[in-house]
Amino acid sequence: MDVVILGRVGYDLYSEEPHVPLPQVRRFSRYLGGSSANMAVGLSRLGAKVGLISCLGNDSLSEFLVDFLKKEKVETAHIQVAPGYLPSLCFTEVSPPDSFPQVFYRHDAVDTMLDAKEEDLAFASSSKMFITNGTSLCGSPSRESAYRALERAKQAGCTVVLDIDFRSMSWRSPDEAGLAIRLALPFVDVLIGNQLELKLAAGVDDLDRAIEKLRHARIPMLVSKLGELGTRVLTPQEMVYLPPYKVEVATTIGAGDGFASGFLFAKLKGLSLTDCLHYGNAAAAIVVSRLSCSEAMPALAEVEAMIRNQKDRKEKSVPA
C-alpha cells in the first residue's frame, strides 16, 4: 500500500441552483465528502494505492459512501461500522466565483466513533505514507485512534502527514483544536495548513511567529496554502514558493484536498519540492474548475496536461 489515510468520510449536498442563497435552494446533488475521503479518491485517481481507516454507520448514506470508495479503488476493509450513528452532512451554496457558504451537521458524527484495533494500526504502519487530519482529533475515540496510528506510523518509518483541516463546528474553541494539533506534532513529517491553521497549530496570532515556532518544533516540512497568493513549502534546507494556477472558478470547496493529493502524490514519486507544488497547484486548479470535491478530483494525465499548459502560458507571457 502506498498511502493509508485515517479520517472522516462525509455526505455532501451541493446546490444545483447557482447564486441562489442556501435558505432558498430546493435542489441538491449528493457526493462523497470529508477531507480524508476526498484525498483518498484524489490520490487513487492519480495512481497511488490507497487504503482508508474510518468509521461509518449501517444506514443507506454510509452504503453509498463505501460503494463510491470501492469504485474509486480505495481499500475499504478498515472502515468500521457503528450502528445507530450517521455520517456528517454538509450543505453547500454555489455562488461563484467567491461565495460558497456551508452548513455542517456533525452532532455525534460516526467518524468520531472510530476505535482503531491492532489490525488497523498495523495497516496504518504498513504503508509508505500515513495521512490523517485535525478533524480526526475532535472527539473520542477517534482522537485516541489517530494518536496511536500517528505513533505507530512514525515508529515504522512511514512518511507521516497531518493536514490541519480546522473546522470550527467540530470544536468547542480554536484553542482546544490548537492543543490537539500540537500534541500530534512530534510524530509529523509533513504539516499542511492554510495561514489560519498554521497560526492555530503554533498557538500564536502572527504567521511569521507561527512559522518560527513550528520550525523550532523540528517539523521537517511545512506546507503552507496561501489562497490567492499560491503555495509555499519550508524545510530546514530551503523555501520554495509557487504562484497559483489561473482557471475559471466553479467552486473553491475541495481546493485544499486537491492540492494535498497532487502534492503528496508527487512527493511519493520522489519529485523535487518545486514539482510537488506544481502537481498540487494543478490538481487544486482542476478541482476548483469543477463542482464537488470527490468527483472533481483529476486523473494523472489531466494534472500533467494542466502543468504543461500553465508553464507554456508563463513562457509565452515573458517578453522575448
C-alpha atoms as a PDB file:
ATOM      1  CA  MET A   1       0.000   0.000   0.000  1.00  0.00           C
ATOM      2  CA  ASP A   2       1.360   3.420  -0.955  1.00  0.00           C
ATOM      3  CA  VAL A   3      -0.847   5.509   1.320  1.00  0.00           C
ATOM      4  CA  VAL A   4      -3.103   4.847   4.295  1.00  0.00           C
ATOM      5  CA  ILE A   5      -5.401   7.659   5.402  1.00  0.00           C
ATOM      6  CA  LEU A   6      -7.243   7.816   8.723  1.00  0.00           C
ATOM      7  CA  GLY A   7     -10.159  10.210   8.954  1.00  0.00           C
ATOM      8  CA  ARG A   8     -13.659  11.264   8.121  1.00  0.00           C
ATOM      9  CA  VAL A   9     -15.942  10.232   5.318  1.00  0.00           C
ATOM     10  CA  GLY A  10     -18.902  12.567   4.911  1.00  0.00           C
ATOM     11  CA  TYR A  11     -22.028  13.063   2.824  1.00  0.00           C
ATOM     12  CA  ASP A  12     -22.103  16.307   0.812  1.00  0.00           C
ATOM     13  CA  LEU A  13     -25.084  18.032  -0.781  1.00  0.00           C
ATOM     14  CA  TYR A  14     -24.253  20.751  -3.353  1.00  0.00           C
ATOM     15  CA  SER A  15     -26.809  23.234  -4.598  1.00  0.00           C
ATOM     16  CA  GLU A  16     -27.872  22.748  -8.220  1.00  0.00           C
ATOM     17  CA  GLU A  17     -29.107  26.382  -8.297  1.00  0.00           C
ATOM     18  CA  PRO A  18     -26.155  28.753  -8.799  1.00  0.00           C
ATOM     19  CA  HIS A  19     -26.347  32.110  -6.998  1.00  0.00           C
ATOM     20  CA  VAL A  20     -29.436  31.098  -5.028  1.00  0.00           C
ATOM     21  CA  PRO A  21     -28.964  31.703  -1.268  1.00  0.00           C
ATOM     22  CA  LEU A  22     -28.793  28.447   0.668  1.00  0.00           C
ATOM     23  CA  PRO A  23     -32.088  29.003   2.588  1.00  0.00           C
ATOM     24  CA  GLN A  24     -33.942  29.178  -0.750  1.00  0.00           C
ATOM     25  CA  VAL A  25     -32.243  26.258  -2.532  1.00  0.00           C
ATOM     26  CA  ARG A  26     -34.607  23.399  -3.419  1.00  0.00           C
ATOM     27  CA  ARG A  27     -32.397  21.063  -5.483  1.00  0.00           C
ATOM     28  CA  PHE A  28     -29.138  19.439  -4.432  1.00  0.00           C
ATOM     29  CA  SER A  29     -26.757  16.812  -5.816  1.00  0.00           C
ATOM     30  CA  ARG A  30     -25.101  14.355  -3.465  1.00  0.00           C
ATOM     31  CA  TYR A  31     -21.408  13.465  -3.327  1.00  0.00           C
ATOM     32  CA  LEU A  32     -18.886  11.747  -1.112  1.00  0.00           C
ATOM     33  CA  GLY A  33     -17.116  14.329   1.059  1.00  0.00           C
ATOM     34  CA  GLY A  34     -14.801  14.736   4.024  1.00  0.00           C
ATOM     35  CA  SER A  35     -11.171  15.797   3.741  1.00  0.00           C
ATOM     36  CA  SER A  36      -9.696  12.338   4.288  1.00  0.00           C
ATOM     37  CA  ALA A  37     -12.080  10.652   1.855  1.00  0.00           C
ATOM     38  CA  ASN A  38     -11.506  13.341  -0.782  1.00  0.00           C
ATOM     39  CA  MET A  39      -7.751  12.885  -0.507  1.00  0.00           C
ATOM     40  CA  ALA A  40      -8.130   9.109  -0.749  1.00  0.00           C
ATOM     41  CA  VAL A  41     -10.061   9.500  -4.010  1.00  0.00           C
ATOM     42  CA  GLY A  42      -7.633  12.139  -5.261  1.00  0.00           C
ATOM     43  CA  LEU A  43      -4.529  10.033  -4.624  1.00  0.00           C
ATOM     44  CA  SER A  44      -6.165   6.914  -6.062  1.00  0.00           C
ATOM     45  CA  ARG A  45      -7.120   8.696  -9.283  1.00  0.00           C
ATOM     46  CA  LEU A  46      -3.518   9.863  -9.645  1.00  0.00           C
ATOM     47  CA  GLY A  47      -2.345   6.248  -9.459  1.00  0.00           C
ATOM     48  CA  ALA A  48      -1.451   5.619  -5.824  1.00  0.00           C
ATOM     49  CA  LYS A  49      -2.610   2.504  -3.974  1.00  0.00           C
ATOM     50  CA  VAL A  50      -4.716   3.918  -1.147  1.00  0.00           C
ATOM     51  CA  GLY A  51      -6.427   2.484   1.921  1.00  0.00           C
ATOM     52  CA  LEU A  52      -8.778   4.246   4.323  1.00  0.00           C
ATOM     53  CA  ILE A  53      -9.289   3.773   8.064  1.00  0.00           C
ATOM     54  CA  SER A  54     -12.589   5.290   9.146  1.00  0.00           C
ATOM     55  CA  CYS A  55     -15.991   4.595  10.658  1.00  0.00           C
ATOM     56  CA  LEU A  56     -19.435   4.722   9.074  1.00  0.00           C
ATOM     57  CA  GLY A  57     -22.936   3.635  10.036  1.00  0.00           C
ATOM     58  CA  ASN A  58     -25.213   0.848   8.814  1.00  0.00           C
ATOM     59  CA  ASP A  59     -27.501   3.333   7.035  1.00  0.00           C
ATOM     60  CA  SER A  60     -28.120   3.882   3.321  1.00  0.00           C
ATOM     61  CA  LEU A  61     -25.967   7.039   3.180  1.00  0.00           C
ATOM     62  CA  SER A  62     -22.999   5.102   4.545  1.00  0.00           C
ATOM     63  CA  GLU A  63     -23.666   2.372   1.996  1.00  0.00           C
ATOM     64  CA  PHE A  64     -23.421   4.921  -0.821  1.00  0.00           C
ATOM     65  CA  LEU A  65     -20.139   6.292   0.575  1.00  0.00           C
ATOM     66  CA  VAL A  66     -18.484   2.866   0.839  1.00  0.00           C
ATOM     67  CA  ASP A  67     -19.660   1.887  -2.638  1.00  0.00           C
ATOM     68  CA  PHE A  68     -18.237   5.110  -4.080  1.00  0.00           C
ATOM     69  CA  LEU A  69     -14.853   4.497  -2.437  1.00  0.00           C
ATOM     70  CA  LYS A  70     -14.747   0.937  -3.767  1.00  0.00           C
ATOM     71  CA  LYS A  71     -15.456   2.166  -7.293  1.00  0.00           C
ATOM     72  CA  GLU A  72     -12.532   4.568  -6.878  1.00  0.00           C
ATOM     73  CA  LYS A  73     -10.256   1.631  -5.973  1.00  0.00           C
ATOM     74  CA  VAL A  74      -9.801   2.747  -2.359  1.00  0.00           C
ATOM     75  CA  GLU A  75      -9.284  -0.143   0.083  1.00  0.00           C
ATOM     76  CA  THR A  76     -12.260  -0.077   2.483  1.00  0.00           C
ATOM     77  CA  ALA A  77     -11.626  -3.196   4.608  1.00  0.00           C
ATOM     78  CA  HIS A  78     -10.643  -0.979   7.565  1.00  0.00           C
ATOM     79  CA  ILE A  79     -13.820   1.103   7.594  1.00  0.00           C
ATOM     80  CA  GLN A  80     -15.604   0.133  10.794  1.00  0.00           C
ATOM     81  CA  VAL A  81     -19.375   0.114  11.253  1.00  0.00           C
ATOM     82  CA  ALA A  82     -21.029   1.822  14.232  1.00  0.00           C
ATOM     83  CA  PRO A  83     -24.781   1.039  14.116  1.00  0.00           C
ATOM     84  CA  GLY A  84     -27.020   3.922  15.114  1.00  0.00           C
ATOM     85  CA  TYR A  85     -24.547   6.674  14.174  1.00  0.00           C
ATOM     86  CA  LEU A  86     -24.711   8.677  10.957  1.00  0.00           C
ATOM     87  CA  PRO A  87     -22.092  10.285   8.709  1.00  0.00           C
ATOM     88  CA  SER A  88     -21.632  14.033   8.901  1.00  0.00           C
ATOM     89  CA  LEU A  89     -23.733  16.040   6.464  1.00  0.00           C
ATOM     90  CA  CYS A  90     -22.731  19.219   4.627  1.00  0.00           C
ATOM     91  CA  PHE A  91     -24.911  21.557   2.543  1.00  0.00           C
ATOM     92  CA  THR A  92     -23.122  23.943   0.165  1.00  0.00           C
ATOM     93  CA  GLU A  93     -24.386  27.026  -1.640  1.00  0.00           C
ATOM     94  CA  VAL A  94     -22.776  27.562  -5.042  1.00  0.00           C
ATOM     95  CA  SER A  95     -22.340  31.249  -5.883  1.00  0.00           C
ATOM     96  CA  PRO A  96     -19.136  31.541  -7.890  1.00  0.00           C
ATOM     97  CA  PRO A  97     -16.562  32.941  -8.016  1.00  0.00           C
ATOM     98  CA  ASP A  98     -16.128  33.516  -4.284  1.00  0.00           C
ATOM     99  CA  SER A  99     -19.239  32.704  -2.223  1.00  0.00           C
ATOM    100  CA  PHE A 100     -19.756  29.105  -1.093  1.00  0.00           C
ATOM    101  CA  PRO A 101     -21.455  29.152   2.344  1.00  0.00           C
ATOM    102  CA  GLN A 102     -21.757  25.765   4.035  1.00  0.00           C
ATOM    103  CA  VAL A 103     -23.867  24.276   6.802  1.00  0.00           C
ATOM    104  CA  PHE A 104     -22.453  21.233   8.614  1.00  0.00           C
ATOM    105  CA  TYR A 105     -24.298  18.660  10.730  1.00  0.00           C
ATOM    106  CA  ARG A 106     -21.742  16.881  12.912  1.00  0.00           C
ATOM    107  CA  HIS A 107     -23.506  16.056  16.182  1.00  0.00           C
ATOM    108  CA  ASP A 108     -22.083  12.669  17.266  1.00  0.00           C
ATOM    109  CA  ALA A 109     -20.817  12.117  13.721  1.00  0.00           C
ATOM    110  CA  VAL A 110     -19.963   8.488  13.073  1.00  0.00           C
ATOM    111  CA  ASP A 111     -16.345   9.259  12.113  1.00  0.00           C
ATOM    112  CA  THR A 112     -15.666  10.254  15.733  1.00  0.00           C
ATOM    113  CA  MET A 113     -16.654   6.709  16.762  1.00  0.00           C
ATOM    114  CA  LEU A 114     -13.554   5.182  15.139  1.00  0.00           C
ATOM    115  CA  ASP A 115     -11.913   2.842  17.651  1.00  0.00           C
ATOM    116  CA  ALA A 116      -8.755   1.599  15.940  1.00  0.00           C
ATOM    117  CA  LYS A 117      -7.851  -2.038  16.605  1.00  0.00           C
ATOM    118  CA  GLU A 118      -4.446  -3.674  16.340  1.00  0.00           C
ATOM    119  CA  GLU A 119      -5.105  -4.695  12.741  1.00  0.00           C
ATOM    120  CA  ASP A 120      -5.955  -1.089  11.858  1.00  0.00           C
ATOM    121  CA  LEU A 121      -2.762   0.221  13.455  1.00  0.00           C
ATOM    122  CA  ALA A 122      -0.735  -2.446  11.659  1.00  0.00           C
ATOM    123  CA  PHE A 123      -2.385  -1.406   8.388  1.00  0.00           C
ATOM    124  CA  ALA A 124      -1.566   2.259   9.023  1.00  0.00           C
ATOM    125  CA  SER A 125       2.095   1.489   9.698  1.00  0.00           C
ATOM    126  CA  SER A 126       2.488  -0.810   6.682  1.00  0.00           C
ATOM    127  CA  SER A 127       2.299   1.981   4.103  1.00  0.00           C
ATOM    128  CA  LYS A 128       4.899   4.291   2.589  1.00  0.00           C
ATOM    129  CA  MET A 129       2.879   7.322   3.722  1.00  0.00           C
ATOM    130  CA  PHE A 130       0.357   7.743   6.532  1.00  0.00           C
ATOM    131  CA  ILE A 131      -2.051  10.692   6.484  1.00  0.00           C
ATOM    132  CA  THR A 132      -4.589  11.996   8.951  1.00  0.00           C
ATOM    133  CA  ASN A 133      -6.245  15.342   9.601  1.00  0.00           C
ATOM    134  CA  GLY A 134      -7.093  17.574  12.533  1.00  0.00           C
ATOM    135  CA  THR A 135     -10.784  16.723  12.450  1.00  0.00           C
ATOM    136  CA  SER A 136      -9.879  13.170  13.486  1.00  0.00           C
ATOM    137  CA  LEU A 137      -8.775  14.652  16.815  1.00  0.00           C
ATOM    138  CA  CYS A 138     -12.054  16.421  17.645  1.00  0.00           C
ATOM    139  CA  GLY A 139     -13.725  13.615  19.606  1.00  0.00           C
ATOM    140  CA  SER A 140     -13.246  10.251  21.283  1.00  0.00           C
ATOM    141  CA  PRO A 141     -12.485   7.510  20.488  1.00  0.00           C
ATOM    142  CA  SER A 142     -11.249   8.779  17.089  1.00  0.00           C
ATOM    143  CA  ARG A 143      -8.803  11.139  18.819  1.00  0.00           C
ATOM    144  CA  GLU A 144      -7.030   8.329  20.627  1.00  0.00           C
ATOM    145  CA  SER A 145      -7.128   6.185  17.493  1.00  0.00           C
ATOM    146  CA  ALA A 146      -5.452   8.933  15.466  1.00  0.00           C
ATOM    147  CA  TYR A 147      -2.723   9.492  18.067  1.00  0.00           C
ATOM    148  CA  ARG A 148      -1.990   5.759  18.267  1.00  0.00           C
ATOM    149  CA  ALA A 149      -1.853   5.482  14.479  1.00  0.00           C
ATOM    150  CA  LEU A 150       0.454   8.518  14.234  1.00  0.00           C
ATOM    151  CA  GLU A 151       2.796   6.972  16.785  1.00  0.00           C
ATOM    152  CA  ARG A 152       2.849   3.557  15.087  1.00  0.00           C
ATOM    153  CA  ALA A 153       3.374   5.014  11.623  1.00  0.00           C
ATOM    154  CA  LYS A 154       6.246   7.179  12.855  1.00  0.00           C
ATOM    155  CA  GLN A 155       7.897   4.220  14.575  1.00  0.00           C
ATOM    156  CA  ALA A 156       7.565   2.168  11.385  1.00  0.00           C
ATOM    157  CA  GLY A 157       9.354   4.782   9.303  1.00  0.00           C
ATOM    158  CA  CYS A 158       6.361   5.933   7.259  1.00  0.00           C
ATOM    159  CA  THR A 159       6.240   9.487   5.967  1.00  0.00           C
ATOM    160  CA  VAL A 160       3.669  10.925   8.381  1.00  0.00           C
ATOM    161  CA  VAL A 161       1.404  13.721   7.127  1.00  0.00           C
ATOM    162  CA  LEU A 162      -1.012  15.849   9.149  1.00  0.00           C
ATOM    163  CA  ASP A 163      -3.461  18.089   7.299  1.00  0.00           C
ATOM    164  CA  ILE A 164      -4.709  20.524   9.968  1.00  0.00           C
ATOM    165  CA  ASP A 165      -8.170  20.772   8.348  1.00  0.00           C
ATOM    166  CA  PHE A 166      -9.679  23.087  11.006  1.00  0.00           C
ATOM    167  CA  ARG A 167     -13.476  23.007  11.060  1.00  0.00           C
ATOM    168  CA  SER A 168     -14.791  25.300  13.809  1.00  0.00           C
ATOM    169  CA  MET A 169     -18.093  23.441  14.188  1.00  0.00           C
ATOM    170  CA  SER A 170     -16.169  20.334  15.318  1.00  0.00           C
ATOM    171  CA  TRP A 171     -14.545  22.061  18.306  1.00  0.00           C
ATOM    172  CA  ARG A 172     -15.590  23.889  21.454  1.00  0.00           C
ATOM    173  CA  SER A 173     -12.928  26.521  20.747  1.00  0.00           C
ATOM    174  CA  PRO A 174      -9.946  27.196  18.456  1.00  0.00           C
ATOM    175  CA  ASP A 175      -7.665  26.845  21.487  1.00  0.00           C
ATOM    176  CA  GLU A 176      -8.899  23.290  22.028  1.00  0.00           C
ATOM    177  CA  ALA A 177      -8.192  22.462  18.385  1.00  0.00           C
ATOM    178  CA  GLY A 178      -4.739  24.049  18.554  1.00  0.00           C
ATOM    179  CA  LEU A 179      -3.776  21.997  21.591  1.00  0.00           C
ATOM    180  CA  ALA A 180      -4.918  18.757  19.953  1.00  0.00           C
ATOM    181  CA  ILE A 181      -2.815  19.562  16.879  1.00  0.00           C
ATOM    182  CA  ARG A 182       0.284  20.418  18.932  1.00  0.00           C
ATOM    183  CA  LEU A 183       0.106  17.094  20.745  1.00  0.00           C
ATOM    184  CA  ALA A 184       0.374  15.372  17.360  1.00  0.00           C
ATOM    185  CA  LEU A 185       3.352  17.382  16.067  1.00  0.00           C
ATOM    186  CA  PRO A 186       6.151  15.151  17.454  1.00  0.00           C
ATOM    187  CA  PHE A 187       5.012  12.399  15.059  1.00  0.00           C
ATOM    188  CA  VAL A 188       4.644  14.600  11.953  1.00  0.00           C
ATOM    189  CA  ASP A 189       6.985  14.770   8.951  1.00  0.00           C
ATOM    190  CA  VAL A 190       4.779  16.945   6.735  1.00  0.00           C
ATOM    191  CA  LEU A 191       2.371  19.536   8.183  1.00  0.00           C
ATOM    192  CA  ILE A 192      -0.175  21.034   5.772  1.00  0.00           C
ATOM    193  CA  GLY A 193      -2.299  24.079   6.556  1.00  0.00           C
ATOM    194  CA  ASN A 194      -3.528  27.457   5.426  1.00  0.00           C
ATOM    195  CA  GLN A 195      -2.337  30.603   7.182  1.00  0.00           C
ATOM    196  CA  LEU A 196      -5.046  30.470   9.860  1.00  0.00           C
ATOM    197  CA  GLU A 197      -4.384  26.793  10.537  1.00  0.00           C
ATOM    198  CA  LEU A 198      -0.617  27.214  10.894  1.00  0.00           C
ATOM    199  CA  LYS A 199      -1.177  30.017  13.412  1.00  0.00           C
ATOM    200  CA  LEU A 200      -3.660  27.789  15.233  1.00  0.00           C
ATOM    201  CA  ALA A 201      -1.157  24.925  15.355  1.00  0.00           C
ATOM    202  CA  ALA A 202       1.539  27.201  16.746  1.00  0.00           C
ATOM    203  CA  GLY A 203      -0.770  28.934  19.231  1.00  0.00           C
ATOM    204  CA  VAL A 204       0.116  32.457  18.041  1.00  0.00           C
ATOM    205  CA  ASP A 205      -1.627  35.199  16.031  1.00  0.00           C
ATOM    206  CA  ASP A 206       1.224  36.132  13.679  1.00  0.00           C
ATOM    207  CA  LEU A 207       2.138  33.955  10.685  1.00  0.00           C
ATOM    208  CA  ASP A 208       5.873  34.650  10.827  1.00  0.00           C
ATOM    209  CA  ARG A 209       5.974  33.787  14.521  1.00  0.00           C
ATOM    210  CA  ALA A 210       3.918  30.665  13.814  1.00  0.00           C
ATOM    211  CA  ILE A 211       6.388  29.505  11.160  1.00  0.00           C
ATOM    212  CA  GLU A 212       9.270  30.138  13.554  1.00  0.00           C
ATOM    213  CA  LYS A 213       7.610  28.173  16.372  1.00  0.00           C
ATOM    214  CA  LEU A 214       6.752  25.261  14.090  1.00  0.00           C
ATOM    215  CA  ARG A 215      10.314  25.166  12.806  1.00  0.00           C
ATOM    216  CA  HIS A 216      11.566  25.055  16.378  1.00  0.00           C
ATOM    217  CA  ALA A 217       9.236  22.075  16.868  1.00  0.00           C
ATOM    218  CA  ARG A 218      11.515  20.323  14.349  1.00  0.00           C
ATOM    219  CA  ILE A 219       8.803  19.517  11.831  1.00  0.00           C
ATOM    220  CA  PRO A 220      10.757  18.501   8.716  1.00  0.00           C
ATOM    221  CA  MET A 221       8.355  20.067   6.202  1.00  0.00           C
ATOM    222  CA  LEU A 222       5.760  22.847   6.455  1.00  0.00           C
ATOM    223  CA  VAL A 223       3.355  23.187   3.530  1.00  0.00           C
ATOM    224  CA  SER A 224       1.517  26.497   3.546  1.00  0.00           C
ATOM    225  CA  LYS A 225      -1.612  27.118   1.458  1.00  0.00           C
ATOM    226  CA  LEU A 226      -1.731  30.866   0.793  1.00  0.00           C
ATOM    227  CA  GLY A 227      -5.055  31.031  -1.041  1.00  0.00           C
ATOM    228  CA  GLU A 228      -4.974  33.513  -3.930  1.00  0.00           C
ATOM    229  CA  LEU A 229      -1.235  34.046  -3.305  1.00  0.00           C
ATOM    230  CA  GLY A 230      -0.270  30.453  -4.101  1.00  0.00           C
ATOM    231  CA  THR A 231       1.559  27.814  -2.073  1.00  0.00           C
ATOM    232  CA  ARG A 232       4.844  27.531  -0.203  1.00  0.00           C
ATOM    233  CA  VAL A 233       6.995  24.754   1.274  1.00  0.00           C
ATOM    234  CA  LEU A 234       9.555  25.277   4.006  1.00  0.00           C
ATOM    235  CA  THR A 235      12.181  22.775   5.100  1.00  0.00           C
ATOM    236  CA  PRO A 236      15.353  23.327   7.171  1.00  0.00           C
ATOM    237  CA  GLN A 237      17.291  23.493   3.880  1.00  0.00           C
ATOM    238  CA  GLU A 238      15.068  25.551   1.568  1.00  0.00           C
ATOM    239  CA  MET A 239      11.942  27.571   0.912  1.00  0.00           C
ATOM    240  CA  VAL A 240      10.039  27.090  -2.340  1.00  0.00           C
ATOM    241  CA  TYR A 241       7.107  29.267  -3.466  1.00  0.00           C
ATOM    242  CA  LEU A 242       4.747  28.848  -6.419  1.00  0.00           C
ATOM    243  CA  PRO A 243       2.015  31.277  -7.567  1.00  0.00           C
ATOM    244  CA  PRO A 244      -1.459  29.819  -8.093  1.00  0.00           C
ATOM    245  CA  TYR A 245      -2.599  28.415 -11.417  1.00  0.00           C
ATOM    246  CA  LYS A 246      -5.221  30.538 -13.170  1.00  0.00           C
ATOM    247  CA  VAL A 247      -8.571  28.934 -14.045  1.00  0.00           C
ATOM    248  CA  GLU A 248     -12.245  29.899 -14.089  1.00  0.00           C
ATOM    249  CA  VAL A 249     -13.654  29.053 -10.661  1.00  0.00           C
ATOM    250  CA  ALA A 250     -16.779  26.912 -10.303  1.00  0.00           C
ATOM    251  CA  THR A 251     -16.341  26.355  -6.547  1.00  0.00           C
ATOM    252  CA  THR A 252     -13.400  26.714  -4.186  1.00  0.00           C
ATOM    253  CA  ILE A 253     -14.610  23.864  -1.951  1.00  0.00           C
ATOM    254  CA  GLY A 254     -12.152  20.982  -2.127  1.00  0.00           C
ATOM    255  CA  ALA A 255      -9.226  23.011  -3.437  1.00  0.00           C
ATOM    256  CA  GLY A 256      -7.122  22.162  -0.396  1.00  0.00           C
ATOM    257  CA  ASP A 257      -7.840  18.447  -0.696  1.00  0.00           C
ATOM    258  CA  GLY A 258      -6.969  18.551  -4.384  1.00  0.00           C
ATOM    259  CA  PHE A 259      -3.734  20.381  -3.647  1.00  0.00           C
ATOM    260  CA  ALA A 260      -2.751  17.924  -0.917  1.00  0.00           C
ATOM    261  CA  SER A 261      -3.475  14.964  -3.200  1.00  0.00           C
ATOM    262  CA  GLY A 262      -1.313  16.307  -6.005  1.00  0.00           C
ATOM    263  CA  PHE A 263       1.492  17.480  -3.736  1.00  0.00           C
ATOM    264  CA  LEU A 264       1.688  14.232  -1.770  1.00  0.00           C
ATOM    265  CA  PHE A 265       1.486  12.071  -4.896  1.00  0.00           C
ATOM    266  CA  ALA A 266       4.492  13.907  -6.322  1.00  0.00           C
ATOM    267  CA  LYS A 267       6.303  13.532  -3.011  1.00  0.00           C
ATOM    268  CA  LEU A 268       5.639   9.779  -3.087  1.00  0.00           C
ATOM    269  CA  LYS A 269       7.287   9.722  -6.510  1.00  0.00           C
ATOM    270  CA  GLY A 270      10.375  11.471  -5.158  1.00  0.00           C
ATOM    271  CA  LEU A 271       9.960  14.635  -7.228  1.00  0.00           C
ATOM    272  CA  SER A 272      11.526  17.980  -6.297  1.00  0.00           C
ATOM    273  CA  LEU A 273       9.668  20.382  -3.999  1.00  0.00           C
ATOM    274  CA  THR A 274       9.028  22.686  -6.953  1.00  0.00           C
ATOM    275  CA  ASP A 275       7.482  19.831  -8.914  1.00  0.00           C
ATOM    276  CA  CYS A 276       5.453  18.787  -5.873  1.00  0.00           C
ATOM    277  CA  LEU A 277       3.972  22.286  -5.739  1.00  0.00           C
ATOM    278  CA  HIS A 278       3.215  22.167  -9.462  1.00  0.00           C
ATOM    279  CA  TYR A 279       1.324  18.876  -9.054  1.00  0.00           C
ATOM    280  CA  GLY A 280      -0.529  20.291  -6.045  1.00  0.00           C
ATOM    281  CA  ASN A 281      -1.426  23.589  -7.692  1.00  0.00           C
ATOM    282  CA  ALA A 282      -2.510  21.839 -10.898  1.00  0.00           C
ATOM    283  CA  ALA A 283      -4.775  19.396  -9.059  1.00  0.00           C
ATOM    284  CA  ALA A 284      -6.269  22.239  -6.997  1.00  0.00           C
ATOM    285  CA  ALA A 285      -6.900  24.303 -10.144  1.00  0.00           C
ATOM    286  CA  ILE A 286      -8.753  21.423 -11.788  1.00  0.00           C
ATOM    287  CA  VAL A 287     -10.868  20.829  -8.674  1.00  0.00           C
ATOM    288  CA  VAL A 288     -11.944  24.489  -8.399  1.00  0.00           C
ATOM    289  CA  SER A 289     -12.927  24.491 -12.066  1.00  0.00           C
ATOM    290  CA  ARG A 290     -15.491  21.750 -11.336  1.00  0.00           C
ATOM    291  CA  LEU A 291     -18.387  21.224  -8.958  1.00  0.00           C
ATOM    292  CA  SER A 292     -17.958  18.954  -5.903  1.00  0.00           C
ATOM    293  CA  CYS A 293     -14.845  17.689  -4.132  1.00  0.00           C
ATOM    294  CA  SER A 294     -14.512  13.952  -4.635  1.00  0.00           C
ATOM    295  CA  GLU A 295     -15.876  13.689  -8.173  1.00  0.00           C
ATOM    296  CA  ALA A 296     -13.822  16.726  -9.202  1.00  0.00           C
ATOM    297  CA  MET A 297     -10.516  15.042  -8.366  1.00  0.00           C
ATOM    298  CA  PRO A 298      -8.409  14.752 -11.532  1.00  0.00           C
ATOM    299  CA  ALA A 299      -6.589  11.861 -13.160  1.00  0.00           C
ATOM    300  CA  LEU A 300      -2.816  11.982 -13.544  1.00  0.00           C
ATOM    301  CA  ALA A 301      -2.980  12.798 -17.266  1.00  0.00           C
ATOM    302  CA  GLU A 302      -5.183  15.825 -16.515  1.00  0.00           C
ATOM    303  CA  VAL A 303      -2.786  17.129 -13.868  1.00  0.00           C
ATOM    304  CA  GLU A 304       0.237  16.762 -16.119  1.00  0.00           C
ATOM    305  CA  ALA A 305      -1.614  18.420 -19.008  1.00  0.00           C
ATOM    306  CA  MET A 306      -2.538  21.333 -16.723  1.00  0.00           C
ATOM    307  CA  ILE A 307       1.108  21.711 -15.664  1.00  0.00           C
ATOM    308  CA  ARG A 308       2.269  21.811 -19.284  1.00  0.00           C
ATOM    309  CA  ASN A 309      -0.463  24.286 -20.202  1.00  0.00           C
ATOM    310  CA  GLN A 310       0.300  26.678 -17.340  1.00  0.00           C
ATOM    311  CA  LYS A 311       4.055  26.518 -17.941  1.00  0.00           C
ATOM    312  CA  ASP A 312       3.512  27.252 -21.640  1.00  0.00           C
ATOM    313  CA  ARG A 313       1.373  30.268 -20.762  1.00  0.00           C
ATOM    314  CA  LYS A 314       4.029  31.678 -18.436  1.00  0.00           C
ATOM    315  CA  GLU A 315       6.750  31.162 -21.019  1.00  0.00           C
ATOM    316  CA  LYS A 316       4.678  32.899 -23.725  1.00  0.00           C
ATOM    317  CA  SER A 317       3.940  35.831 -21.375  1.00  0.00           C
ATOM    318  CA  VAL A 318       7.655  36.571 -20.924  1.00  0.00           C
ATOM    319  CA  PRO A 319       8.880  39.206 -23.455  1.00  0.00           C
ATOM    320  CA  ALA A 320      11.465  37.924 -25.931  1.00  0.00           C
END
